[in-house]
Amino acid sequence: MGKLPGSRELCLPSAAGIRSITLQTLGWLCRVLTITTTNPILCPVSSAAPVFLSLEMVSEVNVCVLGCTWCATTADRISIGQMTIDILPDDALIEIFSFYLVGASNHIEPWLPLVHVCRRWRSIVFASPRRLDVQVVYTTKRQVKVMLDTWPNLLIRILARGFMGLPWHNKNHDKLIAALGHTDRICQVQLNQFESYELERILPAMQKPFPALTSLAIAYRDILSPGATAVLPQAFLGGSTHWQQLRSCHLSDVEVPGIWELLLTANHLVTLSLWGLPHSMYTSPEGMATCLSTMPNLESLSIGFRSPQSLHDWPDQPNRLLPPFTPVVLPSLTEFKFQVMSEYIEDFVSRIDVPLLDKVDITFFDQPIFDTPRLRDFLAPFQQFKAHSRGGVVFWDSSSSIEFELEPGSLSLGVLSEGSGRGVSSMAQLCGSSLHLPSALKRLDIREGSPQVLGRRGEVENTRWLDLLRPFTGLKDLHLGKRLALHYALALQELSGERVTELLPALQNLFIQGLRSSGPTWEALGLFAAARQLSGLPVAVHSWDGQS
């Protein structure tokens, strides 16, 4: 085969001790990979800057692939000439295909182009379905029978979204139910944003074993009753013995009777997400830790209760003494996300040991007092939650949700409140009680998540806006969003005497998004800057684009 139109030969640098092959083939295989011919080791690299792997001192062979033909470098062409891609062994091609598929994972069936190149590639792909994750994807746009007849031996992924009462929804339901009938081949089921009448038709088709199922995701939506949940039947997936093969489970606003007993058998789970849990699915921190102890492979955990009422069985004693116990070790867990009361998370983190934890996201329901010393001690040993000089506070949903996040986002703490003022004070308490690091932050960005986020001026007392700043005593740069700036400017201008330097004593720069040299924000900040100048701790005021 000759050189493909538009392809070009790469110029590879010469270096002693390097033996490499650089692949560039067929346009759609749009990554450059470097492998060794003696012991195939691959590394994804960009075509602009190839990366080579230094191995033992061997004679150099650099080969560029143009289309499906290998062209040797000048030094080797005398003895080698042209070589077809068939010189690569099957295991090397499998590695190349694997890297390609990782880069093309956003496509529904990324393996499909590979099997249309030649018979050998086709046989290699179908001989390694697990290694290359070869599965056929069902969507409602496909004809089930045609799809299954074309690929009779492949596992099936079902990806479906609620049909929102569209006139053809009954036909789509029938197609989906027909696809669910192939229980022995289905490895993934994803039902997203389905309403109650839709699930009533579909779920009976899932009251049987799915022996190949490893990934389950169901998200319920009820437009007329936003607080409602869908209830899965007792015989869902054929009963309790058929949850153990799951590797991924995502349920949102879905009630599963006896869920915690079912999960005791799911010891292959890598990802578990249960969000919008009603009171009927409540379990104690001790019960949750016991359940998770059976999941040695669990890497990601998300647990979100629907409301504080979901936790009303929880004791009222925020500082109750816990009996002696041995923490449950979760050896693979790298991230967890919770939406709970602070007392619940205080008890839970005391019961677990997570040596590989890298990311934490906790949203608290609002309460009069936040005191989380156990959470602070739990986070303290992890360097990734300390080695940060920048953080951010974001106001969401008309100030009913406020979030503090370290940047980059390894730690996020949020508060769900019923009003702006209450939420600001709660976030100030939370940052002071849950973290060892507020005084270490050098930059803090406080911004609004959407234009309609803040209420009217005066809805939040000025002192409450300042409360949010008090934990950050080492702050040098404060960045304020456009609409928040006026609230803070009016609060800062009221400081006088020693209060001017007691708040943010290390502050040097104040950045305001879209600052204009006139208006109430400018005037109020001018008074604050003048007071700081007189105190001997000047602050410079700058305009900010909201991005940098």
Protein backbone atom coordinates (compact mmCIF):
# COMPACT_ATOMS: atom_id res chain seq x y z
CA MET A 1 0.00 0.00 0.00
CA GLY A 2 1.34 3.42 -0.88
CA LYS A 3 1.39 6.61 1.10
CA LEU A 4 -2.05 7.88 2.11
CA PRO A 5 -3.11 11.31 0.82
CA GLY A 6 -2.42 14.00 3.38
CA SER A 7 -0.14 11.83 5.51
CA ARG A 8 3.41 12.81 6.20
CA GLU A 9 6.54 11.11 7.39
CA LEU A 10 7.60 12.10 10.90
CA CYS A 11 11.16 13.28 11.50
CA LEU A 12 12.30 11.35 14.54
CA PRO A 13 15.35 12.52 16.49
CA SER A 14 18.25 10.09 16.61
CA ALA A 15 19.47 9.00 20.04
CA ALA A 16 21.66 6.17 21.22
CA GLY A 17 19.98 3.68 23.51
CA ILE A 18 16.52 4.18 21.99
CA ARG A 19 14.61 1.58 20.06
CA SER A 20 11.17 2.81 19.09
CA ILE A 21 8.37 2.65 16.59
CA THR A 22 6.14 5.67 16.07
CA LEU A 23 2.66 5.03 14.69
CA GLN A 24 0.62 7.33 12.48
CA THR A 25 -2.07 5.57 10.55
CA LEU A 26 -5.33 6.04 8.67
CA GLY A 27 -6.21 9.55 9.87
CA TRP A 28 -8.74 8.32 12.46
CA LEU A 29 -5.97 6.74 14.55
CA CYS A 30 -5.04 10.29 15.44
CA ARG A 31 -2.53 9.74 18.19
CA VAL A 32 1.17 9.11 18.00
CA LEU A 33 2.29 6.20 20.13
CA THR A 34 5.79 4.99 20.94
CA ILE A 35 6.45 1.29 21.45
CA THR A 36 9.49 -0.90 21.71
CA THR A 37 9.97 -3.81 19.35
CA THR A 38 11.70 -6.05 21.86
CA ASN A 39 9.27 -5.67 24.78
CA PRO A 40 6.22 -3.65 23.70
CA ILE A 41 5.87 -0.69 26.03
CA LEU A 42 3.57 2.09 24.90
CA CYS A 43 3.23 5.72 25.83
CA PRO A 44 0.56 8.12 24.48
CA VAL A 45 2.14 11.24 23.07
CA SER A 46 1.19 14.11 20.83
CA SER A 47 2.23 14.19 17.20
CA ALA A 48 3.91 17.53 17.81
CA ALA A 49 6.26 16.28 20.51
CA PRO A 50 6.81 12.51 20.52
CA VAL A 51 8.05 10.93 23.72
CA PHE A 52 10.57 8.10 23.47
CA LEU A 53 11.32 5.47 26.06
CA SER A 54 14.98 4.97 26.98
CA LEU A 55 15.85 1.29 27.21
CA GLU A 56 19.03 -0.74 27.34
CA MET A 57 21.79 0.16 24.85
CA VAL A 58 20.65 -1.41 21.59
CA SER A 59 20.99 -0.58 17.94
CA GLU A 60 18.49 2.07 16.85
CA VAL A 61 15.54 1.29 14.59
CA ASN A 62 13.13 4.20 13.97
CA VAL A 63 10.12 3.36 11.84
CA CYS A 64 7.29 5.67 10.77
CA VAL A 65 3.91 4.33 9.76
CA LEU A 66 2.32 6.00 6.76
CA GLY A 67 -1.12 4.59 6.19
CA CYS A 68 -0.62 0.84 6.58
CA THR A 69 2.95 0.83 5.27
CA TRP A 70 6.05 1.11 7.42
CA CYS A 71 8.89 3.25 5.98
CA ALA A 72 12.26 2.82 7.65
CA THR A 73 14.60 5.74 8.34
CA THR A 74 17.41 6.46 5.90
CA ALA A 75 19.97 4.55 7.95
CA ASP A 76 17.95 1.34 7.83
CA ARG A 77 16.32 1.40 4.41
CA ILE A 78 19.36 -0.22 2.77
CA SER A 79 18.91 -3.40 4.73
CA ILE A 80 15.19 -3.25 5.62
CA GLY A 81 13.37 -1.45 2.83
CA GLN A 82 9.61 -1.20 3.19
CA MET A 83 7.79 -3.22 5.83
CA THR A 84 4.03 -3.74 6.23
CA ILE A 85 2.27 -3.25 9.53
CA ASP A 86 2.08 -7.05 9.77
CA ILE A 87 5.57 -7.06 11.27
CA LEU A 88 3.94 -6.12 14.59
CA PRO A 89 2.84 -9.07 16.73
CA ASP A 90 -0.74 -9.35 17.91
CA ASP A 91 0.01 -8.27 21.48
CA ALA A 92 1.67 -5.06 20.21
CA LEU A 93 -1.38 -4.25 18.10
CA ILE A 94 -3.66 -4.90 21.06
CA GLU A 95 -1.67 -2.39 23.10
CA ILE A 96 -1.89 0.17 20.28
CA PHE A 97 -5.64 -0.40 19.94
CA SER A 98 -6.06 -0.05 23.70
CA PHE A 99 -4.39 3.37 23.73
CA TYR A 100 -6.45 4.46 20.75
CA LEU A 101 -9.68 3.40 22.44
CA VAL A 102 -8.85 5.34 25.59
CA GLY A 103 -8.47 8.49 23.50
CA ALA A 104 -11.69 7.77 21.60
CA SER A 105 -13.78 6.83 24.63
CA ASN A 106 -16.23 9.68 24.01
CA HIS A 107 -17.57 7.80 20.99
CA ILE A 108 -20.39 5.29 21.51
CA GLU A 109 -18.56 2.38 19.85
CA PRO A 110 -14.92 3.49 19.40
CA TRP A 111 -13.76 -0.01 18.41
CA LEU A 112 -15.92 -0.03 15.27
CA PRO A 113 -13.41 1.67 12.89
CA LEU A 114 -10.73 -0.86 13.87
CA VAL A 115 -12.69 -3.88 12.64
CA HIS A 116 -13.21 -2.36 9.19
CA VAL A 117 -9.48 -2.01 8.35
CA CYS A 118 -8.60 -5.61 7.55
CA ARG A 119 -9.42 -9.20 8.51
CA ARG A 120 -6.47 -9.50 10.84
CA TRP A 121 -7.41 -6.39 12.82
CA ARG A 122 -11.00 -7.58 12.97
CA SER A 123 -10.00 -10.97 14.35
CA ILE A 124 -7.63 -9.41 16.89
CA VAL A 125 -10.32 -7.03 18.19
CA PHE A 126 -12.96 -9.76 18.51
CA ALA A 127 -10.46 -12.10 20.14
CA SER A 128 -9.87 -9.55 22.95
CA PRO A 129 -13.35 -8.21 23.83
CA ARG A 130 -12.57 -7.67 27.52
CA ARG A 131 -9.17 -6.07 27.00
CA LEU A 132 -10.56 -3.69 24.37
CA ASP A 133 -13.98 -3.27 25.98
CA VAL A 134 -15.78 -4.37 22.81
CA GLN A 135 -19.52 -3.89 23.34
CA VAL A 136 -22.47 -2.95 21.17
CA VAL A 137 -24.55 0.02 22.34
CA TYR A 138 -28.34 0.11 22.20
CA THR A 139 -30.12 3.46 21.90
CA THR A 140 -33.72 4.07 20.92
CA LYS A 141 -32.51 5.22 17.49
CA ARG A 142 -31.42 1.67 16.66
CA GLN A 143 -33.40 -1.33 15.53
CA VAL A 144 -32.85 -4.03 18.15
CA LYS A 145 -33.06 -7.02 15.81
CA VAL A 146 -30.72 -5.54 13.21
CA MET A 147 -28.18 -4.61 15.88
CA LEU A 148 -28.22 -8.06 17.46
CA ASP A 149 -28.07 -9.89 14.13
CA THR A 150 -25.07 -7.80 13.05
CA TRP A 151 -23.11 -8.42 16.27
CA PRO A 152 -24.52 -11.71 17.60
CA ASN A 153 -21.83 -12.46 20.18
CA LEU A 154 -21.08 -9.06 21.74
CA LEU A 155 -22.17 -7.73 25.11
CA ILE A 156 -24.80 -4.99 25.07
CA ARG A 157 -24.79 -1.57 26.70
CA ILE A 158 -28.23 0.03 27.04
CA LEU A 159 -28.20 3.84 27.14
CA ALA A 160 -31.66 5.41 27.28
CA ARG A 161 -33.13 8.72 28.34
CA GLY A 162 -36.70 9.50 29.43
CA PHE A 163 -39.00 10.35 26.56
CA MET A 164 -40.81 13.30 28.22
CA GLY A 165 -44.24 12.35 26.92
CA LEU A 166 -43.29 12.57 23.28
CA PRO A 167 -45.94 11.16 20.92
CA TRP A 168 -43.78 8.21 19.90
CA HIS A 169 -42.75 7.27 23.44
CA ASN A 170 -44.79 4.04 23.52
CA LYS A 171 -42.88 2.74 20.50
CA ASN A 172 -39.57 3.64 22.14
CA HIS A 173 -40.63 1.90 25.35
CA ASP A 174 -41.40 -1.26 23.37
CA LYS A 175 -37.97 -1.15 21.71
CA LEU A 176 -36.26 -0.67 25.06
CA ILE A 177 -38.19 -3.54 26.64
CA ALA A 178 -37.25 -5.77 23.71
CA ALA A 179 -33.58 -4.93 24.20
CA LEU A 180 -33.82 -5.66 27.94
CA GLY A 181 -35.05 -9.13 27.06
CA HIS A 182 -31.51 -10.21 26.14
CA THR A 183 -30.53 -10.58 29.80
CA ASP A 184 -27.53 -12.85 29.22
CA ARG A 185 -25.75 -10.25 27.05
CA ILE A 186 -26.48 -6.96 28.83
CA CYS A 187 -23.47 -5.57 30.70
CA GLN A 188 -24.70 -2.01 31.29
CA VAL A 189 -28.10 -0.39 31.86
CA GLN A 190 -28.39 3.39 32.03
CA LEU A 191 -31.91 4.82 32.39
CA ASN A 192 -31.63 8.58 32.76
CA GLN A 193 -34.40 11.01 33.74
CA PHE A 194 -37.26 8.53 33.49
CA GLU A 195 -40.66 9.44 34.90
CA SER A 196 -42.88 7.17 36.99
CA TYR A 197 -45.22 6.04 34.21
CA GLU A 198 -42.19 5.09 32.09
CA LEU A 199 -40.56 3.06 34.84
CA GLU A 200 -43.85 1.30 35.51
CA ARG A 201 -43.64 -0.12 31.98
CA ILE A 202 -39.91 -0.79 31.89
CA LEU A 203 -38.99 -2.16 35.33
CA PRO A 204 -41.03 -5.39 35.03
CA ALA A 205 -38.61 -6.37 32.24
CA MET A 206 -35.78 -6.18 34.79
CA GLN A 207 -37.24 -8.54 37.40
CA LYS A 208 -34.96 -11.36 36.35
CA PRO A 209 -31.23 -12.13 36.63
CA PHE A 210 -28.80 -10.23 34.42
CA PRO A 211 -25.68 -12.40 34.78
CA ALA A 212 -23.42 -10.15 32.66
CA LEU A 213 -24.53 -6.83 34.20
CA THR A 214 -21.66 -4.85 35.72
CA SER A 215 -22.93 -1.25 35.47
CA LEU A 216 -26.34 0.03 36.61
CA ALA A 217 -27.56 3.65 36.56
CA ILE A 218 -31.15 4.80 37.11
CA ALA A 219 -32.13 8.45 37.56
CA TYR A 220 -35.76 9.20 38.36
CA ARG A 221 -37.55 12.46 37.56
CA ASP A 222 -41.04 13.60 38.50
CA ILE A 223 -41.91 17.05 37.15
CA LEU A 224 -45.22 17.25 39.04
CA SER A 225 -43.83 15.97 42.37
CA PRO A 226 -40.16 16.99 42.67
CA GLY A 227 -39.82 15.33 46.09
CA ALA A 228 -41.01 11.91 44.96
CA THR A 229 -38.88 8.79 44.55
CA ALA A 230 -39.22 5.73 42.35
CA VAL A 231 -39.45 2.38 44.15
CA LEU A 232 -37.72 -0.62 42.58
CA PRO A 233 -39.55 -3.96 42.98
CA GLN A 234 -38.25 -6.58 45.39
CA ALA A 235 -37.44 -8.91 42.48
CA PHE A 236 -35.36 -6.29 40.67
CA LEU A 237 -32.38 -7.98 38.93
CA GLY A 238 -33.71 -11.30 40.16
CA GLY A 239 -33.23 -10.61 43.86
CA SER A 240 -30.35 -10.22 46.29
CA THR A 241 -27.95 -12.77 44.84
CA HIS A 242 -27.52 -10.92 41.55
CA TRP A 243 -26.03 -7.63 42.80
CA GLN A 244 -22.65 -9.15 43.51
CA GLN A 245 -21.26 -8.80 39.96
CA LEU A 246 -21.88 -5.02 39.80
CA ARG A 247 -18.82 -2.81 39.44
CA SER A 248 -20.71 0.47 39.13
CA CYS A 249 -24.04 1.47 40.69
CA HIS A 250 -25.65 4.93 40.34
CA LEU A 251 -29.15 5.49 41.72
CA SER A 252 -30.71 8.98 41.92
CA ASP A 253 -34.07 9.53 43.64
CA VAL A 254 -34.63 5.79 43.55
CA GLU A 255 -35.73 3.73 46.54
CA VAL A 256 -34.50 0.16 46.80
CA PRO A 257 -36.02 -1.90 49.65
CA GLY A 258 -33.26 -3.46 51.74
CA ILE A 259 -30.52 -1.68 49.76
CA TRP A 260 -27.86 -1.99 52.47
CA GLU A 261 -28.37 -5.76 52.78
CA LEU A 262 -28.17 -6.08 48.99
CA LEU A 263 -24.91 -4.11 48.91
CA LEU A 264 -23.32 -6.44 51.45
CA THR A 265 -22.96 -8.92 48.59
CA ALA A 266 -21.72 -6.35 46.03
CA ASN A 267 -18.04 -6.80 46.84
CA HIS A 268 -16.84 -6.02 43.32
CA LEU A 269 -18.13 -2.43 43.32
CA VAL A 270 -15.68 0.22 42.17
CA THR A 271 -18.16 3.12 42.04
CA LEU A 272 -21.21 3.56 44.28
CA SER A 273 -23.51 6.58 44.08
CA LEU A 274 -26.81 6.76 45.99
CA TRP A 275 -28.29 10.28 45.76
CA GLY A 276 -31.60 11.68 46.94
CA LEU A 277 -32.02 8.97 49.59
CA PRO A 278 -35.39 9.14 51.39
CA HIS A 279 -35.86 8.36 55.07
CA SER A 280 -36.82 4.77 54.24
CA MET A 281 -33.23 4.17 53.05
CA TYR A 282 -31.58 5.63 56.13
CA THR A 283 -28.72 3.73 57.73
CA SER A 284 -26.51 4.74 60.63
CA PRO A 285 -22.85 5.70 60.14
CA GLU A 286 -21.93 2.41 61.77
CA GLY A 287 -24.19 0.48 59.39
CA MET A 288 -22.75 2.29 56.38
CA ALA A 289 -19.17 1.62 57.46
CA THR A 290 -20.03 -2.06 57.95
CA CYS A 291 -21.55 -2.24 54.48
CA LEU A 292 -18.53 -0.54 52.86
CA SER A 293 -16.15 -2.93 54.61
CA THR A 294 -17.25 -5.63 52.14
CA MET A 295 -16.11 -3.52 49.15
CA PRO A 296 -12.30 -3.72 48.94
CA ASN A 297 -12.29 -2.41 45.36
CA LEU A 298 -14.43 0.68 45.99
CA GLU A 299 -12.75 3.80 44.60
CA SER A 300 -15.56 6.36 44.45
CA LEU A 301 -18.42 6.81 46.94
CA SER A 302 -21.33 9.30 46.75
CA ILE A 303 -24.09 9.33 49.37
CA GLY A 304 -26.70 12.10 49.42
CA PHE A 305 -29.75 12.20 51.67
CA ARG A 306 -32.78 14.05 50.33
CA SER A 307 -33.30 16.29 53.36
CA PRO A 308 -32.51 16.57 57.09
CA GLN A 309 -35.77 14.67 57.68
CA SER A 310 -34.11 11.67 56.02
CA LEU A 311 -31.80 11.65 59.03
CA HIS A 312 -34.34 12.28 61.80
CA ASP A 313 -33.49 9.01 63.57
CA TRP A 314 -30.01 10.39 64.18
CA PRO A 315 -29.30 11.25 67.85
CA ASP A 316 -29.36 14.92 68.86
CA GLN A 317 -26.10 14.81 70.82
CA PRO A 318 -23.54 16.45 68.48
CA ASN A 319 -20.65 15.63 70.80
CA ARG A 320 -21.73 12.21 71.99
CA LEU A 321 -18.93 9.86 72.98
CA LEU A 322 -18.35 6.92 70.69
CA PRO A 323 -17.50 3.50 72.12
CA PRO A 324 -14.06 2.08 71.26
CA PHE A 325 -13.94 0.39 67.84
CA THR A 326 -11.49 -0.47 65.09
CA PRO A 327 -11.91 1.75 62.00
CA VAL A 328 -12.93 0.02 58.77
CA VAL A 329 -10.12 0.18 56.20
CA LEU A 330 -11.24 1.14 52.69
CA PRO A 331 -7.99 0.38 50.85
CA SER A 332 -8.99 1.59 47.36
CA LEU A 333 -11.21 4.59 48.09
CA THR A 334 -9.84 7.79 46.52
CA GLU A 335 -12.86 10.10 46.65
CA PHE A 336 -16.13 10.49 48.49
CA LYS A 337 -19.07 12.86 48.25
CA PHE A 338 -21.76 13.32 50.91
CA GLN A 339 -24.88 15.40 51.53
CA VAL A 340 -25.64 15.01 55.25
CA MET A 341 -25.93 16.64 58.68
CA SER A 342 -22.60 17.47 60.30
CA GLU A 343 -23.18 15.03 63.20
CA TYR A 344 -23.55 12.18 60.75
CA ILE A 345 -20.28 12.84 58.93
CA GLU A 346 -18.53 13.38 62.27
CA ASP A 347 -19.45 9.86 63.32
CA PHE A 348 -18.83 8.29 59.89
CA VAL A 349 -15.27 9.61 59.37
CA SER A 350 -14.37 8.32 62.83
CA ARG A 351 -15.22 4.81 61.66
CA ILE A 352 -13.16 4.62 58.46
CA ASP A 353 -9.52 4.58 57.42
CA VAL A 354 -8.90 5.70 53.82
CA PRO A 355 -5.15 5.77 53.09
CA LEU A 356 -5.54 6.72 49.40
CA LEU A 357 -8.14 9.48 49.82
CA ASP A 358 -7.53 12.28 47.32
CA LYS A 359 -10.83 14.15 46.94
CA VAL A 360 -13.59 15.11 49.39
CA ASP A 361 -16.90 16.84 48.61
CA ILE A 362 -19.34 17.37 51.51
CA THR A 363 -22.54 19.41 51.47
CA PHE A 364 -24.16 20.01 54.86
CA PHE A 365 -27.76 20.73 55.67
CA ASP A 366 -27.89 23.99 57.59
CA GLN A 367 -28.00 24.04 61.37
CA PRO A 368 -27.48 26.68 64.10
CA ILE A 369 -24.00 25.52 65.11
CA PHE A 370 -21.30 23.77 63.08
CA ASP A 371 -18.68 22.00 65.15
CA THR A 372 -16.71 19.35 63.25
CA PRO A 373 -13.47 18.56 65.09
CA ARG A 374 -13.49 14.91 63.99
CA LEU A 375 -13.76 15.90 60.34
CA ARG A 376 -10.90 18.36 60.82
CA ASP A 377 -8.74 15.64 62.39
CA PHE A 378 -9.76 13.19 59.65
CA LEU A 379 -8.57 15.58 56.92
CA ALA A 380 -5.44 16.72 58.75
CA PRO A 381 -3.04 13.86 57.76
CA PHE A 382 -3.66 14.34 54.02
CA GLN A 383 -1.12 16.66 52.47
CA GLN A 384 -3.34 17.35 49.43
CA PHE A 385 -5.77 19.19 51.71
CA LYS A 386 -3.01 21.35 53.16
CA ALA A 387 -0.70 22.28 50.28
CA HIS A 388 -3.00 24.93 48.83
CA SER A 389 -2.59 28.68 48.67
CA ARG A 390 -5.84 29.40 46.82
CA GLY A 391 -9.50 28.76 47.56
CA GLY A 392 -12.89 29.93 46.40
CA VAL A 393 -16.40 30.51 47.74
CA VAL A 394 -19.32 30.28 45.30
CA PHE A 395 -22.91 31.36 45.98
CA TRP A 396 -25.49 29.19 44.17
CA ASP A 397 -29.28 29.09 43.88
CA SER A 398 -30.33 32.45 45.33
CA SER A 399 -27.78 32.08 48.12
CA SER A 400 -29.45 28.92 49.47
CA SER A 401 -26.31 26.96 48.56
CA ILE A 402 -22.79 28.16 49.35
CA GLU A 403 -19.66 26.20 48.51
CA PHE A 404 -16.02 26.52 49.58
CA GLU A 405 -13.47 24.82 47.38
CA LEU A 406 -9.72 24.47 47.37
CA GLU A 407 -8.22 25.14 43.95
CA PRO A 408 -7.46 22.84 42.29
CA GLY A 409 -10.56 21.12 43.64
CA SER A 410 -9.39 18.43 46.03
CA LEU A 411 -11.71 19.60 48.82
CA SER A 412 -15.20 21.08 48.62
CA LEU A 413 -17.45 22.00 51.56
CA GLY A 414 -20.96 23.32 51.02
CA VAL A 415 -23.99 24.48 53.01
CA LEU A 416 -27.67 24.22 52.01
CA SER A 417 -29.58 26.96 53.84
CA GLU A 418 -32.99 28.61 53.76
CA GLY A 419 -31.68 32.17 53.47
CA SER A 420 -28.66 34.24 52.43
CA GLY A 421 -27.67 35.51 55.87
CA ARG A 422 -27.95 32.11 57.56
CA GLY A 423 -25.87 30.48 54.84
CA VAL A 424 -23.06 33.04 55.03
CA SER A 425 -22.71 32.60 58.80
CA SER A 426 -22.87 28.80 58.49
CA MET A 427 -20.12 28.74 55.88
CA ALA A 428 -17.94 30.91 58.11
CA GLN A 429 -18.42 28.46 60.98
CA LEU A 430 -17.76 25.51 58.72
CA CYS A 431 -14.48 26.86 57.36
CA GLY A 432 -13.31 27.65 60.88
CA SER A 433 -14.26 24.30 62.42
CA SER A 434 -13.53 21.83 59.60
CA LEU A 435 -10.17 22.98 58.27
CA HIS A 436 -6.66 23.41 59.56
CA LEU A 437 -5.74 25.53 56.56
CA PRO A 438 -7.79 28.78 56.40
CA SER A 439 -4.88 30.82 57.73
CA ALA A 440 -2.56 29.29 55.10
CA LEU A 441 -4.59 30.49 52.10
CA LYS A 442 -3.05 33.44 50.28
CA ARG A 443 -5.80 34.00 47.72
CA LEU A 444 -9.57 33.71 48.09
CA ASP A 445 -12.12 34.20 45.30
CA ILE A 446 -15.72 34.93 46.36
CA ARG A 447 -18.09 34.90 43.42
CA GLU A 448 -21.67 34.24 42.39
CA GLY A 449 -22.56 31.12 40.44
CA SER A 450 -25.29 32.83 38.39
CA PRO A 451 -26.54 36.41 37.85
CA GLN A 452 -29.71 35.85 39.91
CA VAL A 453 -27.89 34.45 42.91
CA LEU A 454 -28.04 37.34 45.39
CA GLY A 455 -31.01 39.00 47.01
CA ARG A 456 -31.64 42.66 47.61
CA ARG A 457 -29.12 44.93 49.30
CA GLY A 458 -29.56 44.76 53.07
CA GLU A 459 -31.03 41.26 53.05
CA VAL A 460 -27.81 40.04 54.69
CA GLU A 461 -26.35 42.05 57.55
CA ASN A 462 -22.97 43.57 56.77
CA THR A 463 -21.34 41.83 59.73
CA ARG A 464 -22.31 38.44 58.29
CA TRP A 465 -20.49 39.14 55.03
CA LEU A 466 -17.37 39.89 57.08
CA ASP A 467 -17.79 36.72 59.17
CA LEU A 468 -16.98 34.71 56.06
CA LEU A 469 -13.56 36.40 55.87
CA ARG A 470 -12.49 36.00 59.50
CA PRO A 471 -11.04 32.43 59.27
CA PHE A 472 -8.64 33.48 56.48
CA THR A 473 -6.12 35.48 58.52
CA GLY A 474 -3.20 34.89 56.12
CA LEU A 475 -5.03 36.14 53.03
CA LYS A 476 -3.04 38.48 50.76
CA ASP A 477 -5.30 38.68 47.69
CA LEU A 478 -9.10 38.86 47.83
CA HIS A 479 -11.07 38.56 44.57
CA LEU A 480 -14.75 39.53 44.57
CA GLY A 481 -17.39 38.81 41.92
CA LYS A 482 -19.21 41.72 40.31
CA ARG A 483 -22.49 41.55 42.24
CA LEU A 484 -20.91 40.47 45.51
CA ALA A 485 -18.45 43.37 45.46
CA LEU A 486 -21.00 45.97 46.54
CA HIS A 487 -22.14 43.86 49.50
CA TYR A 488 -18.56 43.50 50.71
CA ALA A 489 -17.60 47.10 49.93
CA LEU A 490 -20.44 48.41 52.10
CA ALA A 491 -19.44 46.06 54.90
CA LEU A 492 -15.73 46.92 54.71
CA GLN A 493 -16.32 50.68 54.77
CA GLU A 494 -17.95 50.38 58.20
CA LEU A 495 -14.69 49.14 59.75
CA SER A 496 -12.89 51.70 61.83
CA GLY A 497 -10.05 51.91 64.35
CA GLU A 498 -8.50 48.56 65.28
CA ARG A 499 -11.23 46.67 63.45
CA VAL A 500 -9.69 47.77 60.14
CA THR A 501 -6.57 45.67 60.75
CA GLU A 502 -8.11 42.89 62.84
CA LEU A 503 -9.93 41.63 59.76
CA LEU A 504 -7.52 40.26 57.12
CA PRO A 505 -4.34 41.71 58.64
CA ALA A 506 -2.17 40.35 55.78
CA LEU A 507 -4.39 41.66 52.96
CA GLN A 508 -2.46 43.50 50.25
CA ASN A 509 -4.66 43.44 47.15
CA LEU A 510 -8.39 43.66 46.55
CA PHE A 511 -9.57 42.63 43.06
CA ILE A 512 -13.08 43.58 41.95
CA GLN A 513 -14.67 42.08 38.85
CA GLY A 514 -15.62 44.79 36.34
CA LEU A 515 -14.71 47.64 38.74
CA ARG A 516 -15.62 51.13 37.53
CA SER A 517 -14.03 54.35 38.77
CA SER A 518 -17.35 55.69 40.03
CA GLY A 519 -20.47 54.49 41.81
CA PRO A 520 -21.23 53.10 45.28
CA THR A 521 -18.76 50.20 45.08
CA TRP A 522 -15.87 52.51 44.15
CA GLU A 523 -16.75 55.04 46.86
CA ALA A 524 -17.12 52.43 49.62
CA LEU A 525 -13.83 50.74 48.71
CA GLY A 526 -12.13 54.12 48.66
CA LEU A 527 -13.11 54.67 52.30
CA PHE A 528 -11.83 51.23 53.27
CA ALA A 529 -8.53 51.71 51.40
CA ALA A 530 -8.04 55.10 53.06
CA ALA A 531 -8.60 53.59 56.52
CA ARG A 532 -6.07 50.82 55.80
CA GLN A 533 -3.57 53.40 54.57
CA LEU A 534 -3.83 55.31 57.83
CA SER A 535 -3.40 52.10 59.81
CA GLY A 536 -0.08 51.35 58.11
CA LEU A 537 -1.41 48.27 56.30
CA PRO A 538 -2.29 49.62 52.85
CA VAL A 539 -4.48 47.71 50.40
CA ALA A 540 -4.39 48.26 46.64
CA VAL A 541 -7.69 48.05 44.74
CA HIS A 542 -7.67 46.58 41.22
CA SER A 543 -10.14 45.74 38.48
CA TRP A 544 -10.49 42.01 37.74
CA ASP A 545 -11.69 40.23 34.63
CA GLY A 546 -13.22 37.40 36.66
CA GLN A 547 -11.04 34.76 34.97
CA SER A 548 -7.39 34.95 36.01
